[in-house]
């Protein structure tokens, strides 16, 4: 018998001071059995931190040629392509030809992600931004993860604060790097 995905609900209040975005959202996300909790949380936090009109999740791990998160542009292409984890240089080369903005949100060591990409043939490498969500923040949130989650997110000066249902706040500094240095 095949394992099925688990559905998680996230009700967010997002206050992104760095981008001047203030929204409430309610998303349901399927977690594939092979997907780690850190990967799931990175994907969900990336969605909240990239919040914009027409933003959508991809179809998941079973469709590796599609973005994890994307937003269309006015001419039918992609304004934004978001990858999660540690994509290969070959994939990033292809992705950078298809989207105006490219971001990688990772739950891994940002130096390892960069090491796999720097010096490689990546089209428009200057368009790639890598955002590492700190492991201690993800670990703390994973311990608080329920099937239904109500969280407040505040990003200011590249520090992410996440307040969970009982009022406990967890924080971590986002490590944002550009692929071109």
Protein backbone atom coordinates (compact mmCIF):
# COMPACT_ATOMS: atom_id res chain seq x y z
CA UNK A 1 0.00 0.00 0.00
CA UNK A 2 1.39 3.41 -0.98
CA UNK A 3 1.85 6.07 1.65
CA UNK A 4 -0.27 9.17 1.18
CA UNK A 5 0.58 12.83 1.63
CA UNK A 6 -0.30 14.64 4.83
CA UNK A 7 -2.17 17.93 4.50
CA UNK A 8 -1.09 20.83 6.70
CA UNK A 9 -3.00 24.08 7.09
CA UNK A 10 -1.18 27.33 7.76
CA UNK A 11 -2.99 30.53 8.66
CA UNK A 12 -0.44 33.31 8.47
CA UNK A 13 -0.39 36.95 9.33
CA UNK A 14 2.59 38.26 7.37
CA UNK A 15 4.28 41.54 8.22
CA UNK A 16 7.23 41.82 5.88
CA UNK A 17 8.73 45.18 6.77
CA UNK A 18 11.68 44.64 4.40
CA UNK A 19 9.31 44.37 1.40
CA UNK A 20 6.37 46.46 2.73
CA UNK A 21 4.00 43.50 2.45
CA UNK A 22 1.26 43.08 5.06
CA UNK A 23 -1.22 40.27 4.42
CA UNK A 24 -3.16 37.43 5.97
CA UNK A 25 -3.27 34.13 4.17
CA UNK A 26 -4.62 30.65 4.61
CA UNK A 27 -2.79 27.88 2.76
CA UNK A 28 -3.06 24.13 2.69
CA UNK A 29 0.06 22.23 1.78
CA UNK A 30 0.52 18.56 1.02
CA UNK A 31 3.61 16.97 2.54
CA UNK A 32 4.81 13.99 0.50
CA UNK A 33 5.96 11.00 2.61
CA UNK A 34 9.52 11.44 1.32
CA UNK A 35 9.58 15.16 2.17
CA UNK A 36 11.34 16.15 5.40
CA UNK A 37 9.69 18.50 7.88
CA UNK A 38 12.56 20.98 7.36
CA UNK A 39 11.89 20.95 3.62
CA UNK A 40 8.14 21.45 4.18
CA UNK A 41 8.72 24.35 6.57
CA UNK A 42 11.24 25.96 4.22
CA UNK A 43 8.74 25.70 1.37
CA UNK A 44 5.91 27.21 3.44
CA UNK A 45 8.06 30.02 4.85
CA UNK A 46 9.39 30.80 1.36
CA UNK A 47 5.80 31.13 0.14
CA UNK A 48 4.97 33.58 2.93
CA UNK A 49 8.18 35.56 2.39
CA UNK A 50 7.60 35.82 -1.37
CA UNK A 51 3.93 36.72 -1.06
CA UNK A 52 2.66 38.58 -4.14
CA UNK A 53 -0.23 38.50 -6.56
CA UNK A 54 -0.82 35.16 -8.30
CA UNK A 55 1.83 33.32 -6.27
CA UNK A 56 1.31 29.57 -6.32
CA UNK A 57 2.86 26.34 -5.15
CA UNK A 58 4.10 23.86 -7.73
CA UNK A 59 2.74 20.33 -7.96
CA UNK A 60 5.44 18.95 -5.69
CA UNK A 61 8.40 16.62 -5.58
CA UNK A 62 7.01 14.46 -8.38
CA UNK A 63 7.48 17.31 -10.88
CA UNK A 64 11.17 18.29 -10.59
CA UNK A 65 11.10 20.38 -13.78
CA UNK A 66 8.56 22.78 -12.26
CA UNK A 67 9.19 25.44 -9.63
CA UNK A 68 8.34 24.76 -6.00
CA UNK A 69 6.74 28.22 -5.95
CA UNK A 70 6.14 30.62 -8.83
CA UNK A 71 4.41 33.78 -9.97
CA UNK A 72 3.56 34.66 -13.58
CA UNK A 73 4.64 37.82 -15.36
CA UNK A 74 2.47 39.99 -17.61
CA UNK A 75 3.53 38.30 -20.85
CA UNK A 76 2.81 34.69 -19.94
CA UNK A 77 6.22 33.72 -18.59
CA UNK A 78 7.40 33.57 -15.02
CA UNK A 79 8.21 36.64 -12.94
CA UNK A 80 9.44 34.44 -10.09
CA UNK A 81 10.77 30.89 -9.82
CA UNK A 82 11.55 29.56 -6.34
CA UNK A 83 13.55 26.39 -5.71
CA UNK A 84 13.82 24.70 -2.31
CA UNK A 85 16.90 22.91 -0.98
CA UNK A 86 20.09 22.48 -2.99
CA UNK A 87 19.44 22.53 -6.75
CA UNK A 88 22.14 21.55 -9.22
CA UNK A 89 23.98 24.06 -11.40
CA UNK A 90 22.45 22.43 -14.50
CA UNK A 91 18.95 22.98 -13.15
CA UNK A 92 19.70 26.58 -12.18
CA UNK A 93 21.14 27.24 -15.65
CA UNK A 94 17.85 26.08 -17.16
CA UNK A 95 15.69 27.90 -14.59
CA UNK A 96 17.45 31.24 -15.11
CA UNK A 97 16.45 31.14 -18.78
CA UNK A 98 12.77 30.81 -17.83
CA UNK A 99 12.15 33.39 -15.09
CA UNK A 100 12.80 37.06 -14.40
CA UNK A 101 13.72 36.46 -10.73
CA UNK A 102 15.15 33.25 -9.28
CA UNK A 103 15.43 32.44 -5.59
CA UNK A 104 16.61 29.38 -3.75
CA UNK A 105 15.32 28.96 -0.21
CA UNK A 106 17.35 26.40 1.63
CA UNK A 107 17.28 24.59 4.93
CA UNK A 108 20.85 23.46 4.29
CA UNK A 109 24.18 25.20 4.90
CA UNK A 110 24.31 28.14 2.50
CA UNK A 111 28.04 27.54 1.90
CA UNK A 112 27.29 24.03 0.60
CA UNK A 113 24.60 25.37 -1.72
CA UNK A 114 26.95 28.06 -3.03
CA UNK A 115 29.81 25.57 -3.44
CA UNK A 116 27.68 23.55 -5.83
CA UNK A 117 26.83 26.60 -7.95
CA UNK A 118 29.71 29.09 -7.89
CA UNK A 119 32.01 28.80 -10.88
CA UNK A 120 29.52 26.63 -12.75
CA UNK A 121 27.80 27.56 -15.99
CA UNK A 122 24.62 29.25 -14.73
CA UNK A 123 22.84 31.56 -17.17
CA UNK A 124 22.24 35.00 -15.62
CA UNK A 125 23.88 33.98 -12.34
CA UNK A 126 23.40 37.56 -11.14
CA UNK A 127 19.63 36.88 -11.07
CA UNK A 128 19.97 34.11 -8.48
CA UNK A 129 19.47 34.88 -4.81
CA UNK A 130 19.95 32.21 -2.14
CA UNK A 131 18.13 32.56 1.18
CA UNK A 132 19.09 30.22 4.02
CA UNK A 133 16.57 29.77 6.80
CA UNK A 134 18.51 28.96 9.99
CA UNK A 135 18.35 25.35 11.17
CA UNK A 136 17.62 26.27 14.83
CA UNK A 137 14.52 28.19 13.72
CA UNK A 138 13.31 25.29 11.58
CA UNK A 139 13.99 22.81 14.40
CA UNK A 140 12.00 24.90 16.88
CA UNK A 141 9.10 25.27 14.44
CA UNK A 142 9.14 21.55 13.60
CA UNK A 143 8.54 20.78 17.27
CA UNK A 144 5.48 23.06 17.17
CA UNK A 145 4.12 21.82 13.84
CA UNK A 146 0.51 20.63 13.89
CA UNK A 147 -1.88 19.72 11.11
CA UNK A 148 -3.44 23.17 11.65
CA UNK A 149 -1.08 26.08 12.39
CA UNK A 150 -1.78 29.74 13.09
CA UNK A 151 1.42 31.73 12.90
CA UNK A 152 2.43 35.38 12.74
CA UNK A 153 5.48 36.12 10.61
CA UNK A 154 7.50 39.31 10.90
CA UNK A 155 10.54 39.99 8.74
CA UNK A 156 12.55 43.08 9.49
CA UNK A 157 16.19 43.77 8.68
CA UNK A 158 16.54 40.19 7.38
CA UNK A 159 15.53 38.68 10.71
CA UNK A 160 12.49 36.40 10.69
CA UNK A 161 10.27 36.22 13.78
CA UNK A 162 7.61 33.51 13.92
CA UNK A 163 5.00 33.65 16.68
CA UNK A 164 2.99 30.46 17.18
CA UNK A 165 -0.48 29.94 18.69
CA UNK A 166 0.53 30.16 22.35
CA UNK A 167 2.40 33.44 21.85
CA UNK A 168 5.89 31.94 21.83
CA UNK A 169 8.16 33.70 19.34
CA UNK A 170 11.07 32.06 17.55
CA UNK A 171 13.58 34.01 15.52
CA UNK A 172 16.45 33.58 13.15
CA UNK A 173 18.52 35.71 10.83
CA UNK A 174 18.03 34.95 7.14
CA UNK A 175 21.36 34.48 5.35
CA UNK A 176 20.80 35.97 1.91
CA UNK A 177 23.49 35.68 -0.75
CA UNK A 178 23.72 36.41 -4.45
CA UNK A 179 25.18 33.73 -6.68
CA UNK A 180 27.39 36.25 -8.46
CA UNK A 181 29.06 37.25 -5.22
